[in-house]
């Protein structure tokens, strides 16, 4: 998807602060961080929303969640605590229509979220 911001970051067309990349996933820092650690974990394959996932994507989503836990651990937040969030569609706050898992850590995160 040439117009997708995250596809363009993944392709290296737009710079990003990359934290990880492998055959399936790319992780980079959010440009508008809401916590000291605010990473986005994104599949390389373009999937617009959670509604577009199929059973064939279960392992992909699982690897996104497992990688978020690993990234939190690498930054020393595994014991302190961290939050992972998927937003789906505009009313939930999704602004880039390429699924991504937010990882937030390094400050108190209250409930309910805003």
N, C-alpha and C. Protein backbone atom coordinates (compact mmCIF):
# COMPACT_ATOMS: atom_id res chain seq x y z
N UNK A 1 0.85 -1.20 0.00
CA UNK A 1 0.00 0.00 0.00
C UNK A 1 0.88 1.23 0.00
N UNK A 2 1.00 1.88 -1.09
CA UNK A 2 1.93 2.99 -1.21
C UNK A 2 1.51 4.22 -0.41
N UNK A 3 0.23 4.36 -0.09
CA UNK A 3 -0.21 5.53 0.64
C UNK A 3 -0.24 5.30 2.15
N UNK A 4 -0.01 4.10 2.60
CA UNK A 4 -0.06 3.78 4.02
C UNK A 4 1.23 4.25 4.70
N UNK A 5 1.09 5.09 5.72
CA UNK A 5 2.24 5.62 6.44
C UNK A 5 3.12 4.50 6.98
N UNK A 6 2.53 3.49 7.60
CA UNK A 6 3.34 2.43 8.20
C UNK A 6 4.00 1.56 7.13
N UNK A 7 3.32 1.32 6.03
CA UNK A 7 3.95 0.58 4.93
C UNK A 7 5.17 1.34 4.42
N UNK A 8 5.08 2.64 4.37
CA UNK A 8 6.19 3.46 3.89
C UNK A 8 7.34 3.47 4.89
N UNK A 9 7.04 3.47 6.19
CA UNK A 9 8.10 3.35 7.20
C UNK A 9 8.78 1.99 7.08
N UNK A 10 7.97 0.94 6.97
CA UNK A 10 8.51 -0.42 6.83
C UNK A 10 9.41 -0.52 5.60
N UNK A 11 9.02 0.11 4.51
CA UNK A 11 9.79 0.07 3.27
C UNK A 11 11.03 0.98 3.31
N UNK A 12 11.16 1.79 4.36
CA UNK A 12 12.30 2.70 4.46
C UNK A 12 12.13 3.98 3.69
N UNK A 13 10.93 4.24 3.18
CA UNK A 13 10.67 5.47 2.42
C UNK A 13 10.53 6.68 3.34
N UNK A 14 10.10 6.44 4.57
CA UNK A 14 9.94 7.48 5.59
C UNK A 14 10.78 7.04 6.78
N UNK A 15 11.58 7.95 7.36
CA UNK A 15 12.40 7.52 8.49
C UNK A 15 11.56 7.23 9.73
N UNK A 16 12.05 6.32 10.50
CA UNK A 16 11.45 5.98 11.78
C UNK A 16 12.54 5.48 12.72
N UNK A 17 12.30 5.58 14.00
CA UNK A 17 13.25 5.07 14.97
C UNK A 17 12.94 3.60 15.18
N UNK A 18 13.62 2.76 14.42
CA UNK A 18 13.36 1.33 14.45
C UNK A 18 13.93 0.71 15.72
N UNK A 19 13.11 -0.12 16.35
CA UNK A 19 13.51 -0.84 17.56
C UNK A 19 13.72 -2.32 17.28
N UNK A 20 13.12 -2.80 16.20
CA UNK A 20 13.20 -4.22 15.87
C UNK A 20 12.64 -4.41 14.46
N UNK A 21 13.20 -5.38 13.76
CA UNK A 21 12.59 -5.83 12.52
C UNK A 21 13.00 -7.26 12.27
N UNK A 22 12.03 -8.04 11.79
CA UNK A 22 12.29 -9.41 11.39
C UNK A 22 11.43 -9.69 10.16
N UNK A 23 11.30 -10.93 9.81
CA UNK A 23 10.58 -11.28 8.58
C UNK A 23 9.11 -10.90 8.62
N UNK A 24 8.51 -10.85 9.83
CA UNK A 24 7.07 -10.60 9.95
C UNK A 24 6.70 -9.26 10.59
N UNK A 25 7.56 -8.76 11.48
CA UNK A 25 7.21 -7.59 12.29
C UNK A 25 8.26 -6.50 12.20
N UNK A 26 7.79 -5.27 12.43
CA UNK A 26 8.66 -4.12 12.60
C UNK A 26 8.14 -3.38 13.83
N UNK A 27 9.07 -2.93 14.66
CA UNK A 27 8.69 -2.11 15.82
C UNK A 27 9.46 -0.80 15.73
N UNK A 28 8.76 0.29 16.02
CA UNK A 28 9.40 1.60 16.00
C UNK A 28 8.76 2.49 17.04
N UNK A 29 9.47 3.55 17.39
CA UNK A 29 8.97 4.50 18.40
C UNK A 29 7.85 5.33 17.82
N UNK A 30 6.83 5.59 18.64
CA UNK A 30 5.73 6.46 18.24
C UNK A 30 6.25 7.89 18.14
N UNK A 31 5.83 8.62 17.12
CA UNK A 31 6.32 10.00 16.95
C UNK A 31 5.64 10.96 17.92
N UNK A 32 4.58 10.53 18.58
CA UNK A 32 3.89 11.35 19.58
C UNK A 32 3.76 10.50 20.85
N UNK A 33 4.89 10.24 21.53
CA UNK A 33 4.85 9.29 22.64
C UNK A 33 3.99 9.75 23.80
N UNK A 34 3.25 8.78 24.34
CA UNK A 34 2.38 9.03 25.49
C UNK A 34 2.97 8.45 26.78
N UNK A 35 4.17 7.90 26.69
CA UNK A 35 4.88 7.34 27.83
C UNK A 35 6.37 7.31 27.47
N UNK A 36 7.25 7.16 28.47
CA UNK A 36 8.68 7.08 28.15
C UNK A 36 9.02 6.00 27.13
N UNK A 37 8.35 4.87 27.20
CA UNK A 37 8.46 3.87 26.14
C UNK A 37 7.10 3.80 25.47
N UNK A 38 7.04 4.21 24.22
CA UNK A 38 5.81 4.11 23.43
C UNK A 38 6.23 3.59 22.06
N UNK A 39 6.11 2.28 21.91
CA UNK A 39 6.49 1.62 20.67
C UNK A 39 5.25 1.15 19.93
N UNK A 40 5.38 1.06 18.63
CA UNK A 40 4.34 0.50 17.79
C UNK A 40 4.90 -0.78 17.18
N UNK A 41 4.16 -1.86 17.32
CA UNK A 41 4.55 -3.15 16.77
C UNK A 41 3.61 -3.43 15.62
N UNK A 42 4.18 -3.57 14.43
CA UNK A 42 3.42 -3.55 13.18
C UNK A 42 3.78 -4.77 12.33
N UNK A 43 2.78 -5.45 11.77
CA UNK A 43 3.14 -6.51 10.82
C UNK A 43 3.62 -5.89 9.51
N UNK A 44 4.56 -6.57 8.87
CA UNK A 44 5.02 -6.09 7.56
C UNK A 44 3.89 -6.12 6.53
N UNK A 45 3.05 -7.12 6.63
CA UNK A 45 1.92 -7.25 5.70
C UNK A 45 0.84 -6.25 6.07
N UNK A 46 0.35 -5.54 5.10
CA UNK A 46 -0.69 -4.54 5.35
C UNK A 46 -2.01 -5.23 5.69
N UNK A 47 -2.52 -4.93 6.87
CA UNK A 47 -3.85 -5.35 7.32
C UNK A 47 -4.46 -4.08 7.91
N UNK A 48 -5.55 -3.61 7.37
CA UNK A 48 -6.07 -2.29 7.73
C UNK A 48 -6.57 -2.21 9.18
N UNK A 49 -7.42 -3.14 9.60
CA UNK A 49 -7.98 -3.08 10.96
C UNK A 49 -8.04 -4.49 11.54
N UNK A 50 -8.31 -4.57 12.82
CA UNK A 50 -8.51 -5.87 13.46
C UNK A 50 -9.64 -6.63 12.80
N UNK A 51 -10.61 -5.93 12.26
CA UNK A 51 -11.75 -6.57 11.60
C UNK A 51 -11.33 -7.34 10.34
N UNK A 52 -10.15 -7.03 9.82
CA UNK A 52 -9.67 -7.68 8.61
C UNK A 52 -8.83 -8.92 8.88
N UNK A 53 -8.61 -9.24 10.15
CA UNK A 53 -7.85 -10.44 10.49
C UNK A 53 -8.68 -11.68 10.23
N UNK A 54 -7.99 -12.77 9.92
CA UNK A 54 -8.65 -14.06 9.76
C UNK A 54 -7.95 -15.06 10.69
N UNK A 55 -8.47 -16.26 10.76
CA UNK A 55 -7.85 -17.30 11.56
C UNK A 55 -6.42 -17.56 11.14
N UNK A 56 -6.10 -17.29 9.90
CA UNK A 56 -4.73 -17.47 9.40
C UNK A 56 -3.76 -16.48 10.04
N UNK A 57 -4.29 -15.44 10.69
CA UNK A 57 -3.45 -14.40 11.29
C UNK A 57 -3.24 -14.60 12.79
N UNK A 58 -3.77 -15.68 13.36
CA UNK A 58 -3.65 -15.89 14.81
C UNK A 58 -2.20 -15.90 15.26
N UNK A 59 -1.33 -16.59 14.55
CA UNK A 59 0.08 -16.65 14.95
C UNK A 59 0.74 -15.28 14.83
N UNK A 60 0.36 -14.52 13.82
CA UNK A 60 0.92 -13.18 13.64
C UNK A 60 0.58 -12.30 14.83
N UNK A 61 -0.69 -12.28 15.22
CA UNK A 61 -1.11 -11.45 16.35
C UNK A 61 -0.45 -11.94 17.63
N UNK A 62 -0.35 -13.24 17.79
CA UNK A 62 0.35 -13.79 18.95
C UNK A 62 1.80 -13.34 19.00
N UNK A 63 2.46 -13.32 17.86
CA UNK A 63 3.85 -12.89 17.85
C UNK A 63 3.97 -11.40 18.16
N UNK A 64 2.98 -10.61 17.77
CA UNK A 64 3.00 -9.18 18.11
C UNK A 64 2.92 -9.00 19.62
N UNK A 65 2.03 -9.73 20.26
CA UNK A 65 1.86 -9.62 21.71
C UNK A 65 3.11 -10.14 22.43
N UNK A 66 3.61 -11.27 22.00
CA UNK A 66 4.82 -11.82 22.63
C UNK A 66 6.01 -10.87 22.45
N UNK A 67 6.12 -10.26 21.27
CA UNK A 67 7.23 -9.33 21.09
C UNK A 67 7.07 -8.10 21.97
N UNK A 68 5.84 -7.62 22.17
CA UNK A 68 5.63 -6.47 23.07
C UNK A 68 6.16 -6.80 24.46
N UNK A 69 5.87 -8.00 24.95
CA UNK A 69 6.37 -8.41 26.27
C UNK A 69 7.89 -8.45 26.29
N UNK A 70 8.49 -8.95 25.22
CA UNK A 70 9.96 -9.00 25.14
C UNK A 70 10.55 -7.60 25.10
N UNK A 71 9.95 -6.70 24.35
CA UNK A 71 10.45 -5.33 24.26
C UNK A 71 10.32 -4.63 25.61
N UNK A 72 9.22 -4.84 26.31
CA UNK A 72 9.05 -4.28 27.66
C UNK A 72 10.16 -4.80 28.57
N UNK A 73 10.46 -6.07 28.48
CA UNK A 73 11.52 -6.67 29.29
C UNK A 73 12.89 -6.07 28.94
N UNK A 74 13.16 -5.92 27.66
CA UNK A 74 14.44 -5.34 27.22
C UNK A 74 14.66 -3.94 27.80
N UNK A 75 13.56 -3.21 28.00
CA UNK A 75 13.65 -1.85 28.52
C UNK A 75 13.45 -1.77 30.04
N UNK A 76 13.33 -2.93 30.68
CA UNK A 76 13.24 -2.96 32.15
C UNK A 76 11.86 -2.70 32.72
N UNK A 77 10.83 -2.86 31.92
CA UNK A 77 9.47 -2.58 32.39
C UNK A 77 8.64 -3.84 32.63
N UNK A 78 9.22 -5.01 32.43
CA UNK A 78 8.42 -6.23 32.58
C UNK A 78 7.88 -6.39 34.00
N UNK A 79 8.66 -6.08 35.00
CA UNK A 79 8.19 -6.22 36.39
C UNK A 79 7.41 -5.00 36.85
N UNK A 80 7.77 -3.82 36.39
CA UNK A 80 7.07 -2.59 36.80
C UNK A 80 5.66 -2.53 36.23
N UNK A 81 5.54 -2.95 34.98
CA UNK A 81 4.24 -2.95 34.32
C UNK A 81 4.27 -2.16 33.02
N UNK A 82 3.37 -2.55 32.14
CA UNK A 82 3.24 -1.92 30.83
C UNK A 82 1.84 -2.20 30.30
N UNK A 83 1.47 -1.48 29.29
CA UNK A 83 0.15 -1.64 28.67
C UNK A 83 0.33 -1.90 27.19
N UNK A 84 -0.51 -2.78 26.65
CA UNK A 84 -0.58 -3.00 25.21
C UNK A 84 -1.99 -2.67 24.77
N UNK A 85 -2.09 -2.02 23.62
CA UNK A 85 -3.39 -1.55 23.14
C UNK A 85 -3.46 -1.69 21.62
N UNK A 86 -4.55 -2.29 21.15
CA UNK A 86 -4.93 -2.23 19.75
C UNK A 86 -6.14 -1.30 19.67
N UNK A 87 -6.14 -0.34 18.76
CA UNK A 87 -7.31 0.48 18.49
C UNK A 87 -7.89 0.01 17.16
N UNK A 88 -9.21 -0.04 17.09
CA UNK A 88 -9.85 -0.48 15.85
C UNK A 88 -10.88 0.54 15.40
N UNK A 89 -10.56 1.21 14.31
CA UNK A 89 -11.40 2.22 13.66
C UNK A 89 -11.37 3.56 14.39
N UNK A 90 -11.94 4.55 13.75
CA UNK A 90 -11.78 5.94 14.19
C UNK A 90 -12.28 6.22 15.60
N UNK A 91 -13.45 5.76 15.97
CA UNK A 91 -13.98 6.08 17.30
C UNK A 91 -13.12 5.51 18.42
N UNK A 92 -12.34 4.49 18.12
CA UNK A 92 -11.45 3.90 19.12
C UNK A 92 -10.07 4.57 19.10
N UNK A 93 -9.85 5.48 18.17
CA UNK A 93 -8.59 6.21 18.12
C UNK A 93 -7.62 5.74 17.07
N UNK A 94 -8.03 4.83 16.19
CA UNK A 94 -7.11 4.39 15.13
C UNK A 94 -6.99 5.50 14.10
N UNK A 95 -5.77 5.97 13.88
CA UNK A 95 -5.56 7.04 12.91
C UNK A 95 -4.77 6.57 11.69
N UNK A 96 -4.01 5.48 11.85
CA UNK A 96 -3.31 4.87 10.71
C UNK A 96 -3.95 3.51 10.51
N UNK A 97 -4.46 3.29 9.32
CA UNK A 97 -5.21 2.06 9.06
C UNK A 97 -4.29 0.96 8.53
N UNK A 98 -3.44 0.54 9.44
CA UNK A 98 -2.53 -0.61 9.31
C UNK A 98 -2.42 -1.09 10.76
N UNK A 99 -2.89 -2.30 11.05
CA UNK A 99 -2.95 -2.70 12.45
C UNK A 99 -1.59 -2.50 13.12
N UNK A 100 -1.66 -2.10 14.38
CA UNK A 100 -0.45 -1.89 15.17
C UNK A 100 -0.80 -2.02 16.63
N UNK A 101 0.14 -2.58 17.36
CA UNK A 101 0.00 -2.76 18.79
C UNK A 101 0.84 -1.70 19.47
N UNK A 102 0.19 -0.87 20.30
CA UNK A 102 0.91 0.11 21.09
C UNK A 102 1.47 -0.58 22.33
N UNK A 103 2.71 -0.29 22.66
CA UNK A 103 3.32 -0.70 23.91
C UNK A 103 3.68 0.57 24.65
N UNK A 104 3.08 0.74 25.85
CA UNK A 104 3.33 1.93 26.66
C UNK A 104 3.88 1.50 28.01
N UNK A 105 4.93 2.18 28.47
CA UNK A 105 5.53 1.85 29.77
C UNK A 105 6.36 3.03 30.25
N UNK A 106 6.62 3.01 31.56
CA UNK A 106 7.51 4.01 32.13
C UNK A 106 6.82 5.12 32.88
N UNK A 107 5.51 5.03 33.02
CA UNK A 107 4.75 5.98 33.85
C UNK A 107 3.52 5.26 34.34
N UNK A 108 2.88 5.80 35.36
CA UNK A 108 1.63 5.22 35.84
C UNK A 108 0.56 5.32 34.75
N UNK A 109 -0.09 4.22 34.49
CA UNK A 109 -1.15 4.17 33.49
C UNK A 109 -2.44 3.85 34.23
N UNK A 110 -3.36 4.77 34.21
CA UNK A 110 -4.58 4.64 34.99
C UNK A 110 -5.71 4.02 34.20
N UNK A 111 -6.73 3.56 34.90
CA UNK A 111 -7.90 2.95 34.31
C UNK A 111 -9.13 3.65 34.81
N UNK A 112 -10.10 3.94 34.00
CA UNK A 112 -10.14 3.63 32.57
C UNK A 112 -9.30 4.63 31.77
N UNK A 113 -8.83 4.18 30.60
CA UNK A 113 -8.07 5.09 29.74
C UNK A 113 -9.01 6.14 29.16
N UNK A 114 -8.44 7.22 28.66
CA UNK A 114 -9.22 8.31 28.09
C UNK A 114 -9.71 7.96 26.76
